[in-house]
Structures are given as structure tokens and as C-alpha cells.
Amino acid sequence: TYLGLVISAVAAVYGTIIILQTLIQGSDVPGYPSLMSVILF
């Protein structure tokens, strides 16, 4: 339960950062290695 809450909180913060970067700097191609690392983890 606690680990799920921590991961959800980290994901929410990271998602917010991605949205802000997209709004300010525009959209770029997401990195495949980092995406796979998150999915596998």
C-alpha cells in the first residue's frame, strides 16, 4: 500500500513536470529506454 502511494505520488509529480515542459518548450519525441524502464519497473 505504502509503496503504491509513493510511486503514485512520484508519477504525479513527474507527469506534472512533463506537462509543464511540453507547454513551455513544446513536445519532443519521448525516450524509448526510459519508457521501457518505467514500464518494467
ModelCIF file with pLDDT and N, C-alpha, C, O atoms, coordinates in Angstrom:
data_MODEL
#
_entry.id   MODEL 
#
_entity.id                         1 
_entity.type                       polymer 
_entity.pdbx_number_of_molecules   1 
#
_entity_poly.entity_id                      1 
_entity_poly.type                           'polypeptide(L)' 
_entity_poly.nstd_linkage                   no 
_entity_poly.nstd_monomer                   no 
_entity_poly.pdbx_seq_one_letter_code       TYLGLVISAVAAVYGTIIILQTLIQGSDVPGYPSLMSVILF 
_entity_poly.pdbx_seq_one_letter_code_can   TYLGLVISAVAAVYGTIIILQTLIQGSDVPGYPSLMSVILF 
_entity_poly.pdbx_strand_id                 A 
#
loop_
_entity_poly_seq.entity_id 
_entity_poly_seq.num 
_entity_poly_seq.mon_id 
_entity_poly_seq.hetero 
1 1  THR n 
1 2  TYR n 
1 3  LEU n 
1 4  GLY n 
1 5  LEU n 
1 6  VAL n 
1 7  ILE n 
1 8  SER n 
1 9  ALA n 
1 10 VAL n 
1 11 ALA n 
1 12 ALA n 
1 13 VAL n 
1 14 TYR n 
1 15 GLY n 
1 16 THR n 
1 17 ILE n 
1 18 ILE n 
1 19 ILE n 
1 20 LEU n 
1 21 GLN n 
1 22 THR n 
1 23 LEU n 
1 24 ILE n 
1 25 GLN n 
1 26 GLY n 
1 27 SER n 
1 28 ASP n 
1 29 VAL n 
1 30 PRO n 
1 31 GLY n 
1 32 TYR n 
1 33 PRO n 
1 34 SER n 
1 35 LEU n 
1 36 MET n 
1 37 SER n 
1 38 VAL n 
1 39 ILE n 
1 40 LEU n 
1 41 PHE n 
#
_struct_asym.id          A 
_struct_asym.entity_id   1 
#
loop_
_ma_qa_metric.id 
_ma_qa_metric.mode 
_ma_qa_metric.name 
_ma_qa_metric.software_group_id 
_ma_qa_metric.type 
1 global pLDDT . pLDDT 
2 local  pLDDT . pLDDT 
#
_ma_qa_metric_global.metric_id      1 
_ma_qa_metric_global.metric_value   66.41 
_ma_qa_metric_global.model_id       1 
_ma_qa_metric_global.ordinal_id     1 
#
loop_
_ma_qa_metric_local.label_asym_id 
_ma_qa_metric_local.label_comp_id 
_ma_qa_metric_local.label_seq_id 
_ma_qa_metric_local.metric_id 
_ma_qa_metric_local.metric_value 
_ma_qa_metric_local.model_id 
_ma_qa_metric_local.ordinal_id 
A THR 1  2 70.00 1 1  
A TYR 2  2 71.00 1 2  
A LEU 3  2 71.00 1 3  
A GLY 4  2 71.00 1 4  
A LEU 5  2 71.00 1 5  
A VAL 6  2 74.00 1 6  
A ILE 7  2 71.00 1 7  
A SER 8  2 69.00 1 8  
A ALA 9  2 71.00 1 9  
A VAL 10 2 72.00 1 10 
A ALA 11 2 69.00 1 11 
A ALA 12 2 68.00 1 12 
A VAL 13 2 71.00 1 13 
A TYR 14 2 70.00 1 14 
A GLY 15 2 67.00 1 15 
A THR 16 2 71.00 1 16 
A ILE 17 2 71.00 1 17 
A ILE 18 2 67.00 1 18 
A ILE 19 2 65.00 1 19 
A LEU 20 2 71.00 1 20 
A GLN 21 2 68.00 1 21 
A THR 22 2 65.00 1 22 
A LEU 23 2 66.00 1 23 
A ILE 24 2 71.00 1 24 
A GLN 25 2 68.00 1 25 
A GLY 26 2 62.00 1 26 
A SER 27 2 58.00 1 27 
A ASP 28 2 58.00 1 28 
A VAL 29 2 55.00 1 29 
A PRO 30 2 60.00 1 30 
A GLY 31 2 60.00 1 31 
A TYR 32 2 52.00 1 32 
A PRO 33 2 56.00 1 33 
A SER 34 2 62.00 1 34 
A LEU 35 2 66.00 1 35 
A MET 36 2 58.00 1 36 
A SER 37 2 63.00 1 37 
A VAL 38 2 68.00 1 38 
A ILE 39 2 72.00 1 39 
A LEU 40 2 64.00 1 40 
A PHE 41 2 70.00 1 41 
#
loop_
_atom_site.group_PDB 
_atom_site.id 
_atom_site.type_symbol 
_atom_site.label_atom_id 
_atom_site.label_alt_id 
_atom_site.label_comp_id 
_atom_site.label_asym_id 
_atom_site.label_entity_id 
_atom_site.label_seq_id 
_atom_site.pdbx_PDB_ins_code 
_atom_site.Cartn_x 
_atom_site.Cartn_y 
_atom_site.Cartn_z 
_atom_site.occupancy 
_atom_site.B_iso_or_equiv 
_atom_site.pdbx_formal_charge 
_atom_site.auth_seq_id 
_atom_site.auth_comp_id 
_atom_site.auth_asym_id 
_atom_site.auth_atom_id 
_atom_site.pdbx_PDB_model_num 
ATOM 1   N N  . THR A 1 1  ? 0.825  -1.209 0.000   1.00 70.00 ? 1  THR A N  1 
ATOM 2   C CA . THR A 1 1  ? 0.000  0.000  0.000   1.00 70.00 ? 1  THR A CA 1 
ATOM 3   C C  . THR A 1 1  ? 0.863  1.263  0.000   1.00 70.00 ? 1  THR A C  1 
ATOM 4   O O  . THR A 1 1  ? 0.644  2.183  -0.789  1.00 70.00 ? 1  THR A O  1 
ATOM 5   N N  . TYR A 1 2  ? 1.834  1.287  0.891   1.00 71.00 ? 2  TYR A N  1 
ATOM 6   C CA . TYR A 1 2  ? 2.682  2.481  1.009   1.00 71.00 ? 2  TYR A CA 1 
ATOM 7   C C  . TYR A 1 2  ? 3.528  2.692  -0.240  1.00 71.00 ? 2  TYR A C  1 
ATOM 8   O O  . TYR A 1 2  ? 3.695  3.821  -0.703  1.00 71.00 ? 2  TYR A O  1 
ATOM 9   N N  . LEU A 1 3  ? 4.071  1.581  -0.793  1.00 71.00 ? 3  LEU A N  1 
ATOM 10  C CA . LEU A 1 3  ? 4.886  1.710  -1.989  1.00 71.00 ? 3  LEU A CA 1 
ATOM 11  C C  . LEU A 1 3  ? 4.032  2.198  -3.163  1.00 71.00 ? 3  LEU A C  1 
ATOM 12  O O  . LEU A 1 3  ? 4.480  3.007  -3.975  1.00 71.00 ? 3  LEU A O  1 
ATOM 13  N N  . GLY A 1 4  ? 2.802  1.694  -3.239  1.00 71.00 ? 4  GLY A N  1 
ATOM 14  C CA . GLY A 1 4  ? 1.900  2.166  -4.287  1.00 71.00 ? 4  GLY A CA 1 
ATOM 15  C C  . GLY A 1 4  ? 1.623  3.650  -4.169  1.00 71.00 ? 4  GLY A C  1 
ATOM 16  O O  . GLY A 1 4  ? 1.581  4.360  -5.173  1.00 71.00 ? 4  GLY A O  1 
ATOM 17  N N  . LEU A 1 5  ? 1.433  4.126  -2.936  1.00 71.00 ? 5  LEU A N  1 
ATOM 18  C CA . LEU A 1 5  ? 1.208  5.558  -2.735  1.00 71.00 ? 5  LEU A CA 1 
ATOM 19  C C  . LEU A 1 5  ? 2.421  6.383  -3.136  1.00 71.00 ? 5  LEU A C  1 
ATOM 20  O O  . LEU A 1 5  ? 2.290  7.436  -3.760  1.00 71.00 ? 5  LEU A O  1 
ATOM 21  N N  . VAL A 1 6  ? 3.608  5.894  -2.772  1.00 74.00 ? 6  VAL A N  1 
ATOM 22  C CA . VAL A 1 6  ? 4.835  6.621  -3.113  1.00 74.00 ? 6  VAL A CA 1 
ATOM 23  C C  . VAL A 1 6  ? 5.015  6.684  -4.626  1.00 74.00 ? 6  VAL A C  1 
ATOM 24  O O  . VAL A 1 6  ? 5.304  7.746  -5.178  1.00 74.00 ? 6  VAL A O  1 
ATOM 25  N N  . ILE A 1 7  ? 4.843  5.535  -5.300  1.00 71.00 ? 7  ILE A N  1 
ATOM 26  C CA . ILE A 1 7  ? 5.016  5.504  -6.756  1.00 71.00 ? 7  ILE A CA 1 
ATOM 27  C C  . ILE A 1 7  ? 3.983  6.404  -7.429  1.00 71.00 ? 7  ILE A C  1 
ATOM 28  O O  . ILE A 1 7  ? 4.298  7.103  -8.392  1.00 71.00 ? 7  ILE A O  1 
ATOM 29  N N  . SER A 1 8  ? 2.740  6.388  -6.918  1.00 69.00 ? 8  SER A N  1 
ATOM 30  C CA . SER A 1 8  ? 1.700  7.257  -7.494  1.00 69.00 ? 8  SER A CA 1 
ATOM 31  C C  . SER A 1 8  ? 2.057  8.728  -7.324  1.00 69.00 ? 8  SER A C  1 
ATOM 32  O O  . SER A 1 8  ? 1.862  9.531  -8.237  1.00 69.00 ? 8  SER A O  1 
ATOM 33  N N  . ALA A 1 9  ? 2.581  9.075  -6.154  1.00 71.00 ? 9  ALA A N  1 
ATOM 34  C CA . ALA A 1 9  ? 2.957  10.463 -5.908  1.00 71.00 ? 9  ALA A CA 1 
ATOM 35  C C  . ALA A 1 9  ? 4.101  10.898 -6.821  1.00 71.00 ? 9  ALA A C  1 
ATOM 36  O O  . ALA A 1 9  ? 4.080  11.990 -7.390  1.00 71.00 ? 9  ALA A O  1 
ATOM 37  N N  . VAL A 1 10 ? 5.115  10.011 -6.953  1.00 72.00 ? 10 VAL A N  1 
ATOM 38  C CA . VAL A 1 10 ? 6.242  10.323 -7.829  1.00 72.00 ? 10 VAL A CA 1 
ATOM 39  C C  . VAL A 1 10 ? 5.769  10.445 -9.273  1.00 72.00 ? 10 VAL A C  1 
ATOM 40  O O  . VAL A 1 10 ? 6.218  11.332 -9.998  1.00 72.00 ? 10 VAL A O  1 
ATOM 41  N N  . ALA A 1 11 ? 4.857  9.553  -9.700  1.00 69.00 ? 11 ALA A N  1 
ATOM 42  C CA . ALA A 1 11 ? 4.337  9.606  -11.068 1.00 69.00 ? 11 ALA A CA 1 
ATOM 43  C C  . ALA A 1 11 ? 3.560  10.888 -11.311 1.00 69.00 ? 11 ALA A C  1 
ATOM 44  O O  . ALA A 1 11 ? 3.644  11.481 -12.386 1.00 69.00 ? 11 ALA A O  1 
ATOM 45  N N  . ALA A 1 12 ? 2.789  11.319 -10.291 1.00 68.00 ? 12 ALA A N  1 
ATOM 46  C CA . ALA A 1 12 ? 2.013  12.554 -10.436 1.00 68.00 ? 12 ALA A CA 1 
ATOM 47  C C  . ALA A 1 12 ? 2.937  13.762 -10.583 1.00 68.00 ? 12 ALA A C  1 
ATOM 48  O O  . ALA A 1 12 ? 2.694  14.636 -11.415 1.00 68.00 ? 12 ALA A O  1 
ATOM 49  N N  . VAL A 1 13 ? 3.994  13.809 -9.777  1.00 71.00 ? 13 VAL A N  1 
ATOM 50  C CA . VAL A 1 13 ? 4.955  14.911 -9.864  1.00 71.00 ? 13 VAL A CA 1 
ATOM 51  C C  . VAL A 1 13 ? 5.660  14.895 -11.207 1.00 71.00 ? 13 VAL A C  1 
ATOM 52  O O  . VAL A 1 13 ? 5.814  15.931 -11.853 1.00 71.00 ? 13 VAL A O  1 
ATOM 53  N N  . TYR A 1 14 ? 6.090  13.697 -11.627 1.00 70.00 ? 14 TYR A N  1 
ATOM 54  C CA . TYR A 1 14 ? 6.794  13.581 -12.902 1.00 70.00 ? 14 TYR A CA 1 
ATOM 55  C C  . TYR A 1 14 ? 5.869  13.965 -14.066 1.00 70.00 ? 14 TYR A C  1 
ATOM 56  O O  . TYR A 1 14 ? 6.292  14.632 -15.010 1.00 70.00 ? 14 TYR A O  1 
ATOM 57  N N  . GLY A 1 15 ? 4.598  13.534 -13.985 1.00 67.00 ? 15 GLY A N  1 
ATOM 58  C CA . GLY A 1 15 ? 3.636  13.894 -15.033 1.00 67.00 ? 15 GLY A CA 1 
ATOM 59  C C  . GLY A 1 15 ? 3.416  15.388 -15.109 1.00 67.00 ? 15 GLY A C  1 
ATOM 60  O O  . GLY A 1 15 ? 3.282  15.946 -16.198 1.00 67.00 ? 15 GLY A O  1 
ATOM 61  N N  . THR A 1 16 ? 3.379  16.037 -13.963 1.00 71.00 ? 16 THR A N  1 
ATOM 62  C CA . THR A 1 16 ? 3.218  17.495 -13.940 1.00 71.00 ? 16 THR A CA 1 
ATOM 63  C C  . THR A 1 16 ? 4.396  18.196 -14.601 1.00 71.00 ? 16 THR A C  1 
ATOM 64  O O  . THR A 1 16 ? 4.233  19.165 -15.343 1.00 71.00 ? 16 THR A O  1 
ATOM 65  N N  . ILE A 1 17 ? 5.606  17.671 -14.307 1.00 71.00 ? 17 ILE A N  1 
ATOM 66  C CA . ILE A 1 17 ? 6.807  18.259 -14.914 1.00 71.00 ? 17 ILE A CA 1 
ATOM 67  C C  . ILE A 1 17 ? 6.771  18.106 -16.427 1.00 71.00 ? 17 ILE A C  1 
ATOM 68  O O  . ILE A 1 17 ? 7.108  19.042 -17.153 1.00 71.00 ? 17 ILE A O  1 
ATOM 69  N N  . ILE A 1 18 ? 6.363  16.930 -16.911 1.00 67.00 ? 18 ILE A N  1 
ATOM 70  C CA . ILE A 1 18 ? 6.295  16.688 -18.355 1.00 67.00 ? 18 ILE A CA 1 
ATOM 71  C C  . ILE A 1 18 ? 5.298  17.635 -19.016 1.00 67.00 ? 18 ILE A C  1 
ATOM 72  O O  . ILE A 1 18 ? 5.568  18.187 -20.083 1.00 67.00 ? 18 ILE A O  1 
ATOM 73  N N  . ILE A 1 19 ? 4.135  17.821 -18.370 1.00 65.00 ? 19 ILE A N  1 
ATOM 74  C CA . ILE A 1 19 ? 3.124  18.731 -18.937 1.00 65.00 ? 19 ILE A CA 1 
ATOM 75  C C  . ILE A 1 19 ? 3.650  20.151 -19.022 1.00 65.00 ? 19 ILE A C  1 
ATOM 76  O O  . ILE A 1 19 ? 3.468  20.824 -20.036 1.00 65.00 ? 19 ILE A O  1 
ATOM 77  N N  . LEU A 1 20 ? 4.308  20.617 -17.951 1.00 71.00 ? 20 LEU A N  1 
ATOM 78  C CA . LEU A 1 20 ? 4.853  21.979 -17.937 1.00 71.00 ? 20 LEU A CA 1 
ATOM 79  C C  . LEU A 1 20 ? 5.934  22.147 -18.994 1.00 71.00 ? 20 LEU A C  1 
ATOM 80  O O  . LEU A 1 20 ? 5.981  23.164 -19.686 1.00 71.00 ? 20 LEU A O  1 
ATOM 81  N N  . GLN A 1 21 ? 6.815  21.137 -19.119 1.00 68.00 ? 21 GLN A N  1 
ATOM 82  C CA . GLN A 1 21 ? 7.863  21.214 -20.132 1.00 68.00 ? 21 GLN A CA 1 
ATOM 83  C C  . GLN A 1 21 ? 7.265  21.255 -21.538 1.00 68.00 ? 21 GLN A C  1 
ATOM 84  O O  . GLN A 1 21 ? 7.761  21.969 -22.409 1.00 68.00 ? 21 GLN A O  1 
ATOM 85  N N  . THR A 1 22 ? 6.210  20.494 -21.749 1.00 65.00 ? 22 THR A N  1 
ATOM 86  C CA . THR A 1 22 ? 5.554  20.477 -23.053 1.00 65.00 ? 22 THR A CA 1 
ATOM 87  C C  . THR A 1 22 ? 4.920  21.834 -23.370 1.00 65.00 ? 22 THR A C  1 
ATOM 88  O O  . THR A 1 22 ? 5.007  22.337 -24.490 1.00 65.00 ? 22 THR A O  1 
ATOM 89  N N  . LEU A 1 23 ? 4.280  22.407 -22.349 1.00 66.00 ? 23 LEU A N  1 
ATOM 90  C CA . LEU A 1 23 ? 3.637  23.709 -22.565 1.00 66.00 ? 23 LEU A CA 1 
ATOM 91  C C  . LEU A 1 23 ? 4.666  24.816 -22.805 1.00 66.00 ? 23 LEU A C  1 
ATOM 92  O O  . LEU A 1 23 ? 4.413  25.733 -23.586 1.00 66.00 ? 23 LEU A O  1 
ATOM 93  N N  . ILE A 1 24 ? 5.799  24.739 -22.154 1.00 71.00 ? 24 ILE A N  1 
ATOM 94  C CA . ILE A 1 24 ? 6.795  25.813 -22.246 1.00 71.00 ? 24 ILE A CA 1 
ATOM 95  C C  . ILE A 1 24 ? 7.740  25.594 -23.419 1.00 71.00 ? 24 ILE A C  1 
ATOM 96  O O  . ILE A 1 24 ? 8.007  26.520 -24.184 1.00 71.00 ? 24 ILE A O  1 
ATOM 97  N N  . GLN A 1 25 ? 8.247  24.370 -23.564 1.00 68.00 ? 25 GLN A N  1 
ATOM 98  C CA . GLN A 1 25 ? 9.285  24.097 -24.544 1.00 68.00 ? 25 GLN A CA 1 
ATOM 99  C C  . GLN A 1 25 ? 8.762  23.382 -25.794 1.00 68.00 ? 25 GLN A C  1 
ATOM 100 O O  . GLN A 1 25 ? 9.478  23.258 -26.788 1.00 68.00 ? 25 GLN A O  1 
ATOM 101 N N  . GLY A 1 26 ? 7.529  22.919 -25.742 1.00 62.00 ? 26 GLY A N  1 
ATOM 102 C CA . GLY A 1 26 ? 6.991  22.175 -26.876 1.00 62.00 ? 26 GLY A CA 1 
ATOM 103 C C  . GLY A 1 26 ? 7.205  20.680 -26.694 1.00 62.00 ? 26 GLY A C  1 
ATOM 104 O O  . GLY A 1 26 ? 7.890  20.263 -25.760 1.00 62.00 ? 26 GLY A O  1 
ATOM 105 N N  . SER A 1 27 ? 6.628  19.868 -27.573 1.00 58.00 ? 27 SER A N  1 
ATOM 106 C CA . SER A 1 27 ? 6.692  18.414 -27.464 1.00 58.00 ? 27 SER A CA 1 
ATOM 107 C C  . SER A 1 27 ? 7.893  17.868 -28.220 1.00 58.00 ? 27 SER A C  1 
ATOM 108 O O  . SER A 1 27 ? 8.199  18.328 -29.320 1.00 58.00 ? 27 SER A O  1 
ATOM 109 N N  . ASP A 1 28 ? 8.567  16.900 -27.642 1.00 58.00 ? 28 ASP A N  1 
ATOM 110 C CA . ASP A 1 28 ? 9.645  16.222 -28.339 1.00 58.00 ? 28 ASP A CA 1 
ATOM 111 C C  . ASP A 1 28 ? 9.377  14.713 -28.321 1.00 58.00 ? 28 ASP A C  1 
ATOM 112 O O  . ASP A 1 28 ? 8.440  14.253 -27.667 1.00 58.00 ? 28 ASP A O  1 
ATOM 113 N N  . VAL A 1 29 ? 10.185 13.962 -29.024 1.00 55.00 ? 29 VAL A N  1 
ATOM 114 C CA . VAL A 1 29 ? 10.000 12.512 -29.098 1.00 55.00 ? 29 VAL A CA 1 
ATOM 115 C C  . VAL A 1 29 ? 10.409 11.883 -27.758 1.00 55.00 ? 29 VAL A C  1 
ATOM 116 O O  . VAL A 1 29 ? 11.539 12.091 -27.315 1.00 55.00 ? 29 VAL A O  1 
ATOM 117 N N  . PRO A 1 30 ? 9.517  11.115 -27.097 1.00 60.00 ? 30 PRO A N  1 
ATOM 118 C CA . PRO A 1 30 ? 9.862  10.501 -25.797 1.00 60.00 ? 30 PRO A CA 1 
ATOM 119 C C  . PRO A 1 30 ? 10.949 9.440  -25.969 1.00 60.00 ? 30 PRO A C  1 
ATOM 120 O O  . PRO A 1 30 ? 11.036 8.790  -27.010 1.00 60.00 ? 30 PRO A O  1 
ATOM 121 N N  . GLY A 1 31 ? 11.762 9.277  -24.953 1.00 60.00 ? 31 GLY A N  1 
ATOM 122 C CA . GLY A 1 31 ? 12.846 8.302  -24.996 1.00 60.00 ? 31 GLY A CA 1 
ATOM 123 C C  . GLY A 1 31 ? 12.336 6.888  -24.760 1.00 60.00 ? 31 GLY A C  1 
ATOM 124 O O  . GLY A 1 31 ? 11.668 6.623  -23.761 1.00 60.00 ? 31 GLY A O  1 
ATOM 125 N N  . TYR A 1 32 ? 12.650 5.983  -25.675 1.00 52.00 ? 32 TYR A N  1 
ATOM 126 C CA . TYR A 1 32 ? 12.202 4.594  -25.562 1.00 52.00 ? 32 TYR A CA 1 
ATOM 127 C C  . TYR A 1 32 ? 12.828 3.884  -24.357 1.00 52.00 ? 32 TYR A C  1 
ATOM 128 O O  . TYR A 1 32 ? 12.099 3.203  -23.635 1.00 52.00 ? 32 TYR A O  1 
ATOM 129 N N  . PRO A 1 33 ? 14.144 4.004  -24.097 1.00 56.00 ? 33 PRO A N  1 
ATOM 130 C CA . PRO A 1 33 ? 14.738 3.302  -22.940 1.00 56.00 ? 33 PRO A CA 1 
ATOM 131 C C  . PRO A 1 33 ? 14.100 3.699  -21.614 1.00 56.00 ? 33 PRO A C  1 
ATOM 132 O O  . PRO A 1 33 ? 13.796 2.843  -20.784 1.00 56.00 ? 33 PRO A O  1 
ATOM 133 N N  . SER A 1 34 ? 13.896 5.017  -21.415 1.00 62.00 ? 34 SER A N  1 
ATOM 134 C CA . SER A 1 34 ? 13.318 5.440  -20.147 1.00 62.00 ? 34 SER A CA 1 
ATOM 135 C C  . SER A 1 34 ? 11.878 4.959  -20.006 1.00 62.00 ? 34 SER A C  1 
ATOM 136 O O  . SER A 1 34 ? 11.443 4.615  -18.908 1.00 62.00 ? 34 SER A O  1 
ATOM 137 N N  . LEU A 1 35 ? 11.136 4.934  -21.118 1.00 66.00 ? 35 LEU A N  1 
ATOM 138 C CA . LEU A 1 35 ? 9.759  4.456  -21.089 1.00 66.00 ? 35 LEU A CA 1 
ATOM 139 C C  . LEU A 1 35 ? 9.709  2.978  -20.718 1.00 66.00 ? 35 LEU A C  1 
ATOM 140 O O  . LEU A 1 35 ? 8.900  2.572  -19.883 1.00 66.00 ? 35 LEU A O  1 
ATOM 141 N N  . MET A 1 36 ? 10.574 2.170  -21.339 1.00 58.00 ? 36 MET A N  1 
ATOM 142 C CA . MET A 1 36 ? 10.601 0.740  -21.037 1.00 58.00 ? 36 MET A CA 1 
ATOM 143 C C  . MET A 1 36 ? 11.040 0.479  -19.602 1.00 58.00 ? 36 MET A C  1 
ATOM 144 O O  . MET A 1 36 ? 10.526 -0.436 -18.958 1.00 58.00 ? 36 MET A O  1 
ATOM 145 N N  . SER A 1 37 ? 11.984 1.271  -19.088 1.00 63.00 ? 37 SER A N  1 
ATOM 146 C CA . SER A 1 37 ? 12.451 1.101  -17.710 1.00 63.00 ? 37 SER A CA 1 
ATOM 147 C C  . SER A 1 37 ? 11.303 1.304  -16.729 1.00 63.00 ? 37 SER A C  1 
ATOM 148 O O  . SER A 1 37 ? 11.134 0.532  -15.785 1.00 63.00 ? 37 SER A O  1 
ATOM 149 N N  . VAL A 1 38 ? 10.516 2.356  -16.966 1.00 68.00 ? 38 VAL A N  1 
ATOM 150 C CA . VAL A 1 38 ? 9.388  2.633  -16.078 1.00 68.00 ? 38 VAL A CA 1 
ATOM 151 C C  . VAL A 1 38 ? 8.351  1.523  -16.150 1.00 68.00 ? 38 VAL A C  1 
ATOM 152 O O  . VAL A 1 38 ? 7.835  1.076  -15.126 1.00 68.00 ? 38 VAL A O  1 
ATOM 153 N N  . ILE A 1 39 ? 8.047  1.078  -17.378 1.00 72.00 ? 39 ILE A N  1 
ATOM 154 C CA . ILE A 1 39 ? 7.039  0.023  -17.541 1.00 72.00 ? 39 ILE A CA 1 
ATOM 155 C C  . ILE A 1 39 ? 7.486  -1.278 -16.864 1.00 72.00 ? 39 ILE A C  1 
ATOM 156 O O  . ILE A 1 39 ? 6.707  -1.906 -16.146 1.00 72.00 ? 39 ILE A O  1 
ATOM 157 N N  . LEU A 1 40 ? 8.735  -1.677 -17.092 1.00 64.00 ? 40 LEU A N  1 
ATOM 158 C CA . LEU A 1 40 ? 9.237  -2.912 -16.497 1.00 64.00 ? 40 LEU A CA 1 
ATOM 159 C C  . LEU A 1 40 ? 9.303  -2.816 -14.977 1.00 64.00 ? 40 LEU A C  1 
ATOM 160 O O  . LEU A 1 40 ? 9.001  -3.784 -14.280 1.00 64.00 ? 40 LEU A O  1 
ATOM 161 N N  . PHE A 1 41 ? 9.700  -1.648 -14.457 1.00 70.00 ? 41 PHE A N  1 
ATOM 162 C CA . PHE A 1 41 ? 9.765  -1.482 -13.006 1.00 70.00 ? 41 PHE A CA 1 
ATOM 163 C C  . PHE A 1 41 ? 8.383  -1.618 -12.383 1.00 70.00 ? 41 PHE A C  1 
ATOM 164 O O  . PHE A 1 41 ? 8.241  -1.508 -11.165 1.00 70.00 ? 41 PHE A O  1 
#
